Amino acid sequence: MTIKPLSDRVVIKMEEAEETTKSGIVLAGSAKEKPQVATVLAVGPGGLVDGKEVQMTVKVGDKVITSKYSGTEVKVDGEEVIIVRQSDILAVVE
């Protein structure tokens, strides 16, 4: 099954949380920070959103930073993805 986002929506997959710190300390599950970097899997067409014309600036394959706890989590073929508005994407990682 594939997801085709509508309007200004973007489908992203979050990167895995760090298991260890830079100094090598292994983190417990509750101590891991929720990741904010994700990979763009699909992009909607943009268009008219709330009376304003929206052009999509991200593309499939981009690494992006999103707002914490934004979007709607969906399970597709056993894989967790998140559908967010383009406005919830803060930056593109280069």
PDB file of N, CA and C in Angstrom:
ATOM      1  N   MET A   1       0.849  -1.179   0.000  1.00  0.00           N
ATOM      2  CA  MET A   1       0.000   0.000   0.000  1.00  0.00           C
ATOM      3  C   MET A   1       0.893   1.240   0.000  1.00  0.00           C
ATOM      4  N   THR A   2       0.482   2.236  -0.769  1.00  0.00           N
ATOM      5  CA  THR A   2       1.224   3.495  -0.797  1.00  0.00           C
ATOM      6  C   THR A   2       0.311   4.622  -0.334  1.00  0.00           C
ATOM      7  N   ILE A   3       0.925   5.657   0.190  1.00  0.00           N
ATOM      8  CA  ILE A   3       0.183   6.818   0.656  1.00  0.00           C
ATOM      9  C   ILE A   3       0.501   7.987  -0.267  1.00  0.00           C
ATOM     10  N   LYS A   4      -0.547   8.624  -0.787  1.00  0.00           N
ATOM     11  CA  LYS A   4      -0.382   9.814  -1.616  1.00  0.00           C
ATOM     12  C   LYS A   4      -0.984  10.985  -0.845  1.00  0.00           C
ATOM     13  N   PRO A   5      -0.146  11.845  -0.273  1.00  0.00           N
ATOM     14  CA  PRO A   5      -0.659  12.956   0.537  1.00  0.00           C
ATOM     15  C   PRO A   5      -1.401  13.982  -0.318  1.00  0.00           C
ATOM     16  N   LEU A   6      -2.363  14.643   0.291  1.00  0.00           N
ATOM     17  CA  LEU A   6      -3.147  15.670  -0.374  1.00  0.00           C
ATOM     18  C   LEU A   6      -2.681  17.056   0.049  1.00  0.00           C
ATOM     19  N   SER A   7      -2.980  18.040  -0.755  1.00  0.00           N
ATOM     20  CA  SER A   7      -2.741  19.445  -0.504  1.00  0.00           C
ATOM     21  C   SER A   7      -1.314  19.702  -0.005  1.00  0.00           C
ATOM     22  N   ASP A   8      -1.137  20.301   1.178  1.00  0.00           N
ATOM     23  CA  ASP A   8       0.211  20.665   1.646  1.00  0.00           C
ATOM     24  C   ASP A   8       0.782  19.638   2.613  1.00  0.00           C
ATOM     25  N   ARG A   9       0.331  18.401   2.530  1.00  0.00           N
ATOM     26  CA  ARG A   9       0.789  17.350   3.441  1.00  0.00           C
ATOM     27  C   ARG A   9       2.053  16.671   2.895  1.00  0.00           C
ATOM     28  N   VAL A  10       2.873  16.177   3.839  1.00  0.00           N
ATOM     29  CA  VAL A  10       4.118  15.484   3.512  1.00  0.00           C
ATOM     30  C   VAL A  10       4.184  14.217   4.364  1.00  0.00           C
ATOM     31  N   VAL A  11       4.543  13.087   3.745  1.00  0.00           N
ATOM     32  CA  VAL A  11       4.715  11.829   4.481  1.00  0.00           C
ATOM     33  C   VAL A  11       6.204  11.681   4.790  1.00  0.00           C
ATOM     34  N   ILE A  12       6.524  11.496   6.087  1.00  0.00           N
ATOM     35  CA  ILE A  12       7.917  11.378   6.510  1.00  0.00           C
ATOM     36  C   ILE A  12       8.113  10.129   7.357  1.00  0.00           C
ATOM     37  N   LYS A  13       9.343   9.665   7.406  1.00  0.00           N
ATOM     38  CA  LYS A  13       9.716   8.544   8.279  1.00  0.00           C
ATOM     39  C   LYS A  13      10.813   9.047   9.188  1.00  0.00           C
ATOM     40  N   MET A  14      10.562   8.979  10.497  1.00  0.00           N
ATOM     41  CA  MET A  14      11.531   9.469  11.471  1.00  0.00           C
ATOM     42  C   MET A  14      12.753   8.549  11.509  1.00  0.00           C
ATOM     43  N   GLU A  15      13.918   9.144  11.737  1.00  0.00           N
ATOM     44  CA  GLU A  15      15.138   8.354  11.916  1.00  0.00           C
ATOM     45  C   GLU A  15      15.133   7.759  13.317  1.00  0.00           C
ATOM     46  N   GLU A  16      15.858   6.688  13.496  1.00  0.00           N
ATOM     47  CA  GLU A  16      15.918   6.005  14.793  1.00  0.00           C
ATOM     48  C   GLU A  16      16.585   6.879  15.837  1.00  0.00           C
ATOM     49  N   ALA A  17      16.113   6.774  17.070  1.00  0.00           N
ATOM     50  CA  ALA A  17      16.702   7.506  18.191  1.00  0.00           C
ATOM     51  C   ALA A  17      18.076   6.932  18.513  1.00  0.00           C
ATOM     52  N   GLU A  18      18.942   7.768  19.009  1.00  0.00           N
ATOM     53  CA  GLU A  18      20.295   7.330  19.377  1.00  0.00           C
ATOM     54  C   GLU A  18      20.237   6.333  20.525  1.00  0.00           C
ATOM     55  N   GLU A  19      20.957   5.235  20.382  1.00  0.00           N
ATOM     56  CA  GLU A  19      21.018   4.206  21.417  1.00  0.00           C
ATOM     57  C   GLU A  19      22.097   4.510  22.457  1.00  0.00           C
ATOM     58  N   THR A  20      23.138   5.254  22.029  1.00  0.00           N
ATOM     59  CA  THR A  20      24.246   5.576  22.938  1.00  0.00           C
ATOM     60  C   THR A  20      24.568   7.065  22.834  1.00  0.00           C
ATOM     61  N   THR A  21      25.209   7.579  23.877  1.00  0.00           N
ATOM     62  CA  THR A  21      25.659   8.970  23.846  1.00  0.00           C
ATOM     63  C   THR A  21      26.973   9.040  23.106  1.00  0.00           C
ATOM     64  N   LYS A  22      27.470  10.244  22.859  1.00  0.00           N
ATOM     65  CA  LYS A  22      28.755  10.406  22.172  1.00  0.00           C
ATOM     66  C   LYS A  22      29.894   9.775  22.958  1.00  0.00           C
ATOM     67  N   SER A  23      29.754   9.729  24.291  1.00  0.00           N
ATOM     68  CA  SER A  23      30.816   9.149  25.111  1.00  0.00           C
ATOM     69  C   SER A  23      30.676   7.637  25.256  1.00  0.00           C
ATOM     70  N   GLY A  24      29.623   7.046  24.649  1.00  0.00           N
ATOM     71  CA  GLY A  24      29.489   5.596  24.656  1.00  0.00           C
ATOM     72  C   GLY A  24      28.555   5.023  25.697  1.00  0.00           C
ATOM     73  N   ILE A  25      27.852   5.861  26.444  1.00  0.00           N
ATOM     74  CA  ILE A  25      26.914   5.373  27.460  1.00  0.00           C
ATOM     75  C   ILE A  25      25.633   4.908  26.770  1.00  0.00           C
ATOM     76  N   VAL A  26      25.189   3.675  27.064  1.00  0.00           N
ATOM     77  CA  VAL A  26      23.976   3.124  26.476  1.00  0.00           C
ATOM     78  C   VAL A  26      22.764   3.712  27.196  1.00  0.00           C
ATOM     79  N   LEU A  27      21.804   4.231  26.432  1.00  0.00           N
ATOM     80  CA  LEU A  27      20.626   4.877  27.001  1.00  0.00           C
ATOM     81  C   LEU A  27      19.480   3.887  27.186  1.00  0.00           C
ATOM     82  N   ALA A  28      18.745   4.044  28.272  1.00  0.00           N
ATOM     83  CA  ALA A  28      17.541   3.249  28.494  1.00  0.00           C
ATOM     84  C   ALA A  28      16.445   3.784  27.580  1.00  0.00           C
ATOM     85  N   GLY A  29      15.415   2.988  27.317  1.00  0.00           N
ATOM     86  CA  GLY A  29      14.338   3.389  26.425  1.00  0.00           C
ATOM     87  C   GLY A  29      13.682   4.687  26.810  1.00  0.00           C
ATOM     88  N   SER A  30      13.479   4.928  28.103  1.00  0.00           N
ATOM     89  CA  SER A  30      12.811   6.153  28.544  1.00  0.00           C
ATOM     90  C   SER A  30      13.719   7.373  28.461  1.00  0.00           C
ATOM     91  N   ALA A  31      15.016   7.178  28.385  1.00  0.00           N
ATOM     92  CA  ALA A  31      15.957   8.297  28.356  1.00  0.00           C
ATOM     93  C   ALA A  31      16.226   8.806  26.938  1.00  0.00           C
ATOM     94  N   LYS A  32      15.790   8.041  25.930  1.00  0.00           N
ATOM     95  CA  LYS A  32      16.029   8.450  24.555  1.00  0.00           C
ATOM     96  C   LYS A  32      15.162   9.640  24.213  1.00  0.00           C
ATOM     97  N   GLU A  33      15.756  10.589  23.512  1.00  0.00           N
ATOM     98  CA  GLU A  33      15.019  11.772  23.091  1.00  0.00           C
ATOM     99  C   GLU A  33      14.318  11.465  21.780  1.00  0.00           C
ATOM    100  N   LYS A  34      13.113  11.963  21.626  1.00  0.00           N
ATOM    101  CA  LYS A  34      12.360  11.730  20.405  1.00  0.00           C
ATOM    102  C   LYS A  34      13.106  12.384  19.243  1.00  0.00           C
ATOM    103  N   PRO A  35      13.389  11.644  18.165  1.00  0.00           N
ATOM    104  CA  PRO A  35      14.134  12.214  17.044  1.00  0.00           C
ATOM    105  C   PRO A  35      13.315  13.276  16.327  1.00  0.00           C
ATOM    106  N   GLN A  36      13.988  14.256  15.750  1.00  0.00           N
ATOM    107  CA  GLN A  36      13.317  15.302  15.000  1.00  0.00           C
ATOM    108  C   GLN A  36      13.738  15.288  13.542  1.00  0.00           C
ATOM    109  N   VAL A  37      14.705  14.449  13.179  1.00  0.00           N
ATOM    110  CA  VAL A  37      15.158  14.367  11.797  1.00  0.00           C
ATOM    111  C   VAL A  37      14.415  13.228  11.116  1.00  0.00           C
ATOM    112  N   ALA A  38      13.916  13.512   9.907  1.00  0.00           N
ATOM    113  CA  ALA A  38      13.130  12.524   9.181  1.00  0.00           C
ATOM    114  C   ALA A  38      13.476  12.579   7.701  1.00  0.00           C
ATOM    115  N   THR A  39      13.088  11.519   6.983  1.00  0.00           N
ATOM    116  CA  THR A  39      13.265  11.447   5.542  1.00  0.00           C
ATOM    117  C   THR A  39      11.900  11.606   4.886  1.00  0.00           C
ATOM    118  N   VAL A  40      11.819  12.422   3.858  1.00  0.00           N
ATOM    119  CA  VAL A  40      10.563  12.641   3.142  1.00  0.00           C
ATOM    120  C   VAL A  40      10.302  11.463   2.204  1.00  0.00           C
ATOM    121  N   LEU A  41       9.134  10.828   2.358  1.00  0.00           N
ATOM    122  CA  LEU A  41       8.751   9.689   1.529  1.00  0.00           C
ATOM    123  C   LEU A  41       7.809  10.079   0.396  1.00  0.00           C
ATOM    124  N   ALA A  42       6.929  11.053   0.638  1.00  0.00           N
ATOM    125  CA  ALA A  42       5.969  11.500  -0.375  1.00  0.00           C
ATOM    126  C   ALA A  42       5.576  12.942  -0.089  1.00  0.00           C
ATOM    127  N   VAL A  43       5.242  13.675  -1.149  1.00  0.00           N
ATOM    128  CA  VAL A  43       4.893  15.086  -1.025  1.00  0.00           C
ATOM    129  C   VAL A  43       3.584  15.336  -1.772  1.00  0.00           C
ATOM    130  N   GLY A  44       2.688  16.087  -1.136  1.00  0.00           N
ATOM    131  CA  GLY A  44       1.431  16.455  -1.777  1.00  0.00           C
ATOM    132  C   GLY A  44       1.651  17.480  -2.870  1.00  0.00           C
ATOM    133  N   PRO A  45       0.611  17.774  -3.643  1.00  0.00           N
ATOM    134  CA  PRO A  45       0.747  18.689  -4.779  1.00  0.00           C
ATOM    135  C   PRO A  45       0.767  20.174  -4.417  1.00  0.00           C
ATOM    136  N   GLY A  46       0.447  20.508  -3.184  1.00  0.00           N
ATOM    137  CA  GLY A  46       0.355  21.925  -2.809  1.00  0.00           C
ATOM    138  C   GLY A  46      -0.996  22.455  -3.235  1.00  0.00           C
ATOM    139  N   GLY A  47      -1.043  23.703  -3.682  1.00  0.00           N
ATOM    140  CA  GLY A  47      -2.306  24.277  -4.143  1.00  0.00           C
ATOM    141  C   GLY A  47      -2.891  25.235  -3.135  1.00  0.00           C
ATOM    142  N   LEU A  48      -4.210  25.412  -3.184  1.00  0.00           N
ATOM    143  CA  LEU A  48      -4.908  26.351  -2.331  1.00  0.00           C
ATOM    144  C   LEU A  48      -5.173  25.748  -0.964  1.00  0.00           C
ATOM    145  N   VAL A  49      -4.597  26.335   0.089  1.00  0.00           N
ATOM    146  CA  VAL A  49      -4.782  25.874   1.465  1.00  0.00           C
ATOM    147  C   VAL A  49      -5.215  27.072   2.300  1.00  0.00           C
ATOM    148  N   ASP A  50      -6.377  26.987   2.905  1.00  0.00           N
ATOM    149  CA  ASP A  50      -6.934  28.080   3.713  1.00  0.00           C
ATOM    150  C   ASP A  50      -6.945  29.407   2.956  1.00  0.00           C
ATOM    151  N   GLY A  51      -7.258  29.349   1.662  1.00  0.00           N
ATOM    152  CA  GLY A  51      -7.353  30.553   0.850  1.00  0.00           C
ATOM    153  C   GLY A  51      -6.039  31.116   0.363  1.00  0.00           C
ATOM    154  N   LYS A  52      -4.929  30.433   0.634  1.00  0.00           N
ATOM    155  CA  LYS A  52      -3.613  30.906   0.204  1.00  0.00           C
ATOM    156  C   LYS A  52      -2.965  29.858  -0.689  1.00  0.00           C
ATOM    157  N   GLU A  53      -2.251  30.307  -1.690  1.00  0.00           N
ATOM    158  CA  GLU A  53      -1.545  29.410  -2.599  1.00  0.00           C
ATOM    159  C   GLU A  53      -0.288  28.884  -1.907  1.00  0.00           C
ATOM    160  N   VAL A  54      -0.127  27.548  -1.847  1.00  0.00           N
ATOM    161  CA  VAL A  54       1.028  26.932  -1.200  1.00  0.00           C
ATOM    162  C   VAL A  54       1.833  26.167  -2.243  1.00  0.00           C
ATOM    163  N   GLN A  55       3.123  26.501  -2.363  1.00  0.00           N
ATOM    164  CA  GLN A  55       4.026  25.761  -3.236  1.00  0.00           C
ATOM    165  C   GLN A  55       4.872  24.846  -2.366  1.00  0.00           C
ATOM    166  N   MET A  56       5.028  23.608  -2.783  1.00  0.00           N
ATOM    167  CA  MET A  56       5.803  22.643  -2.015  1.00  0.00           C
ATOM    168  C   MET A  56       7.292  22.879  -2.253  1.00  0.00           C
ATOM    169  N   THR A  57       8.044  23.026  -1.160  1.00  0.00           N
ATOM    170  CA  THR A  57       9.476  23.302  -1.265  1.00  0.00           C
ATOM    171  C   THR A  57      10.334  22.098  -0.916  1.00  0.00           C
ATOM    172  N   VAL A  58       9.729  21.050  -0.334  1.00  0.00           N
ATOM    173  CA  VAL A  58      10.480  19.832  -0.038  1.00  0.00           C
ATOM    174  C   VAL A  58      10.200  18.814  -1.129  1.00  0.00           C
ATOM    175  N   LYS A  59      11.120  17.850  -1.267  1.00  0.00           N
ATOM    176  CA  LYS A  59      10.929  16.806  -2.273  1.00  0.00           C
ATOM    177  C   LYS A  59      11.264  15.450  -1.666  1.00  0.00           C
ATOM    178  N   VAL A  60      10.848  14.405  -2.321  1.00  0.00           N
ATOM    179  CA  VAL A  60      11.098  13.046  -1.854  1.00  0.00           C
ATOM    180  C   VAL A  60      12.601  12.828  -1.706  1.00  0.00           C
ATOM    181  N   GLY A  61      13.004  12.245  -0.575  1.00  0.00           N
ATOM    182  CA  GLY A  61      14.411  11.969  -0.309  1.00  0.00           C
ATOM    183  C   GLY A  61      15.090  13.016   0.562  1.00  0.00           C
ATOM    184  N   ASP A  62      14.484  14.189   0.718  1.00  0.00           N
ATOM    185  CA  ASP A  62      15.069  15.228   1.574  1.00  0.00           C
ATOM    186  C   ASP A  62      15.096  14.765   3.029  1.00  0.00           C
ATOM    187  N   LYS A  63      16.122  15.173   3.749  1.00  0.00           N
ATOM    188  CA  LYS A  63      16.169  14.985   5.204  1.00  0.00           C
ATOM    189  C   LYS A  63      15.705  16.293   5.801  1.00  0.00           C
ATOM    190  N   VAL A  64      14.729  16.209   6.699  1.00  0.00           N
ATOM    191  CA  VAL A  64      14.125  17.416   7.254  1.00  0.00           C
ATOM    192  C   VAL A  64      14.083  17.358   8.774  1.00  0.00           C
ATOM    193  N   ILE A  65      13.965  18.531   9.390  1.00  0.00           N
ATOM    194  CA  ILE A  65      13.770  18.640  10.831  1.00  0.00           C
ATOM    195  C   ILE A  65      12.336  19.124  11.031  1.00  0.00           C
ATOM    196  N   THR A  66      11.594  18.403  11.890  1.00  0.00           N
ATOM    197  CA  THR A  66      10.194  18.748  12.122  1.00  0.00           C
ATOM    198  C   THR A  66       9.987  19.243  13.545  1.00  0.00           C
ATOM    199  N   SER A  67       8.840  19.856  13.751  1.00  0.00           N
ATOM    200  CA  SER A  67       8.445  20.258  15.101  1.00  0.00           C
ATOM    201  C   SER A  67       8.249  18.998  15.933  1.00  0.00           C
ATOM    202  N   LYS A  68       8.601  19.063  17.217  1.00  0.00           N
ATOM    203  CA  LYS A  68       8.382  17.912  18.090  1.00  0.00           C
ATOM    204  C   LYS A  68       6.899  17.640  18.219  1.00  0.00           C
ATOM    205  N   TYR A  69       6.544  16.378  18.201  1.00  0.00           N
ATOM    206  CA  TYR A  69       5.166  15.923  18.414  1.00  0.00           C
ATOM    207  C   TYR A  69       4.180  16.475  17.389  1.00  0.00           C
ATOM    208  N   SER A  70       4.640  16.758  16.173  1.00  0.00           N
ATOM    209  CA  SER A  70       3.728  17.246  15.141  1.00  0.00           C
ATOM    210  C   SER A  70       3.295  16.089  14.248  1.00  0.00           C
ATOM    211  N   GLY A  71       2.194  16.269  13.567  1.00  0.00           N
ATOM    212  CA  GLY A  71       1.739  15.307  12.584  1.00  0.00           C
ATOM    213  C   GLY A  71       0.882  14.195  13.149  1.00  0.00           C
ATOM    214  N   THR A  72       0.491  13.292  12.253  1.00  0.00           N
ATOM    215  CA  THR A  72      -0.347  12.151  12.579  1.00  0.00           C
ATOM    216  C   THR A  72       0.411  10.877  12.243  1.00  0.00           C
ATOM    217  N   GLU A  73       0.583  10.009  13.245  1.00  0.00           N
ATOM    218  CA  GLU A  73       1.297   8.753  13.027  1.00  0.00           C
ATOM    219  C   GLU A  73       0.363   7.742  12.376  1.00  0.00           C
ATOM    220  N   VAL A  74       0.878   7.053  11.353  1.00  0.00           N
ATOM    221  CA  VAL A  74       0.112   6.053  10.615  1.00  0.00           C
ATOM    222  C   VAL A  74       1.000   4.840  10.402  1.00  0.00           C
ATOM    223  N   LYS A  75       0.423   3.633  10.462  1.00  0.00           N
ATOM    224  CA  LYS A  75       1.170   2.421  10.197  1.00  0.00           C
ATOM    225  C   LYS A  75       0.820   1.934   8.794  1.00  0.00           C
ATOM    226  N   VAL A  76       1.832   1.795   7.933  1.00  0.00           N
ATOM    227  CA  VAL A  76       1.643   1.342   6.563  1.00  0.00           C
ATOM    228  C   VAL A  76       2.528   0.124   6.346  1.00  0.00           C
ATOM    229  N   ASP A  77       1.911  -1.010   6.070  1.00  0.00           N
ATOM    230  CA  ASP A  77       2.654  -2.255   5.863  1.00  0.00           C
ATOM    231  C   ASP A  77       3.603  -2.543   7.025  1.00  0.00           C
ATOM    232  N   GLY A  78       3.163  -2.275   8.250  1.00  0.00           N
ATOM    233  CA  GLY A  78       3.958  -2.541   9.445  1.00  0.00           C
ATOM    234  C   GLY A  78       5.031  -1.508   9.731  1.00  0.00           C
ATOM    235  N   GLU A  79       5.075  -0.452   8.963  1.00  0.00           N
ATOM    236  CA  GLU A  79       6.097   0.584   9.122  1.00  0.00           C
ATOM    237  C   GLU A  79       5.436   1.882   9.594  1.00  0.00           C
ATOM    238  N   GLU A  80       6.014   2.526  10.617  1.00  0.00           N
ATOM    239  CA  GLU A  80       5.469   3.771  11.156  1.00  0.00           C
ATOM    240  C   GLU A  80       5.905   4.957  10.296  1.00  0.00           C
ATOM    241  N   VAL A  81       4.938   5.725   9.792  1.00  0.00           N
ATOM    242  CA  VAL A  81       5.226   6.963   9.079  1.00  0.00           C
ATOM    243  C   VAL A  81       4.382   8.063   9.710  1.00  0.00           C
ATOM    244  N   ILE A  82       4.727   9.309   9.425  1.00  0.00           N
ATOM    245  CA  ILE A  82       4.003  10.444   9.979  1.00  0.00           C
ATOM    246  C   ILE A  82       3.597  11.355   8.829  1.00  0.00           C
ATOM    247  N   ILE A  83       2.350  11.823   8.881  1.00  0.00           N
ATOM    248  CA  ILE A  83       1.869  12.776   7.892  1.00  0.00           C
ATOM    249  C   ILE A  83       1.829  14.146   8.564  1.00  0.00           C
ATOM    250  N   VAL A  84       2.589  15.106   8.012  1.00  0.00           N
ATOM    251  CA  VAL A  84       2.674  16.449   8.586  1.00  0.00           C
ATOM    252  C   VAL A  84       2.335  17.483   7.516  1.00  0.00           C
ATOM    253  N   ARG A  85       1.982  18.667   7.963  1.00  0.00           N
ATOM    254  CA  ARG A  85       1.840  19.790   7.037  1.00  0.00           C
ATOM    255  C   ARG A  85       3.241  20.304   6.708  1.00  0.00           C
ATOM    256  N   GLN A  86       3.396  20.864   5.528  1.00  0.00           N
ATOM    257  CA  GLN A  86       4.696  21.420   5.169  1.00  0.00           C
ATOM    258  C   GLN A  86       5.112  22.503   6.167  1.00  0.00           C
ATOM    259  N   SER A  87       4.155  23.215   6.748  1.00  0.00           N
ATOM    260  CA  SER A  87       4.484  24.273   7.710  1.00  0.00           C
ATOM    261  C   SER A  87       5.058  23.725   9.014  1.00  0.00           C
ATOM    262  N   ASP A  88       4.879  22.406   9.287  1.00  0.00           N
ATOM    263  CA  ASP A  88       5.474  21.792  10.474  1.00  0.00           C
ATOM    264  C   ASP A  88       6.936  21.421  10.256  1.00  0.00           C
ATOM    265  N   ILE A  89       7.398  21.512   9.018  1.00  0.00           N
ATOM    266  CA  ILE A  89       8.807  21.227   8.711  1.00  0.00           C
ATOM    267  C   ILE A  89       9.595  22.508   8.921  1.00  0.00           C
ATOM    268  N   LEU A  90      10.599  22.432   9.792  1.00  0.00           N
ATOM    269  CA  LEU A  90      11.359  23.615  10.176  1.00  0.00           C
ATOM    270  C   LEU A  90      12.545  23.905   9.259  1.00  0.00           C
ATOM    271  N   ALA A  91      13.200  22.822   8.757  1.00  0.00           N
ATOM    272  CA  ALA A  91      14.394  23.009   7.957  1.00  0.00           C
ATOM    273  C   ALA A  91      14.694  21.754   7.147  1.00  0.00           C
ATOM    274  N   VAL A  92      15.476  21.932   6.088  1.00  0.00           N
ATOM    275  CA  VAL A  92      15.978  20.830   5.286  1.00  0.00           C
ATOM    276  C   VAL A  92      17.446  20.655   5.662  1.00  0.00           C
ATOM    277  N   VAL A  93      17.844  19.423   5.971  1.00  0.00           N
ATOM    278  CA  VAL A  93      19.224  19.118   6.372  1.00  0.00           C
ATOM    279  C   VAL A  93      20.023  18.812   5.103  1.00  0.00           C
ATOM    280  N   GLU A  94      21.139  19.524   4.925  1.00  0.00           N
ATOM    281  CA  GLU A  94      21.989  19.292   3.744  1.00  0.00           C
ATOM    282  C   GLU A  94      23.274  18.623   4.122  1.00  0.00           C
TER     283      GLU A  94
END
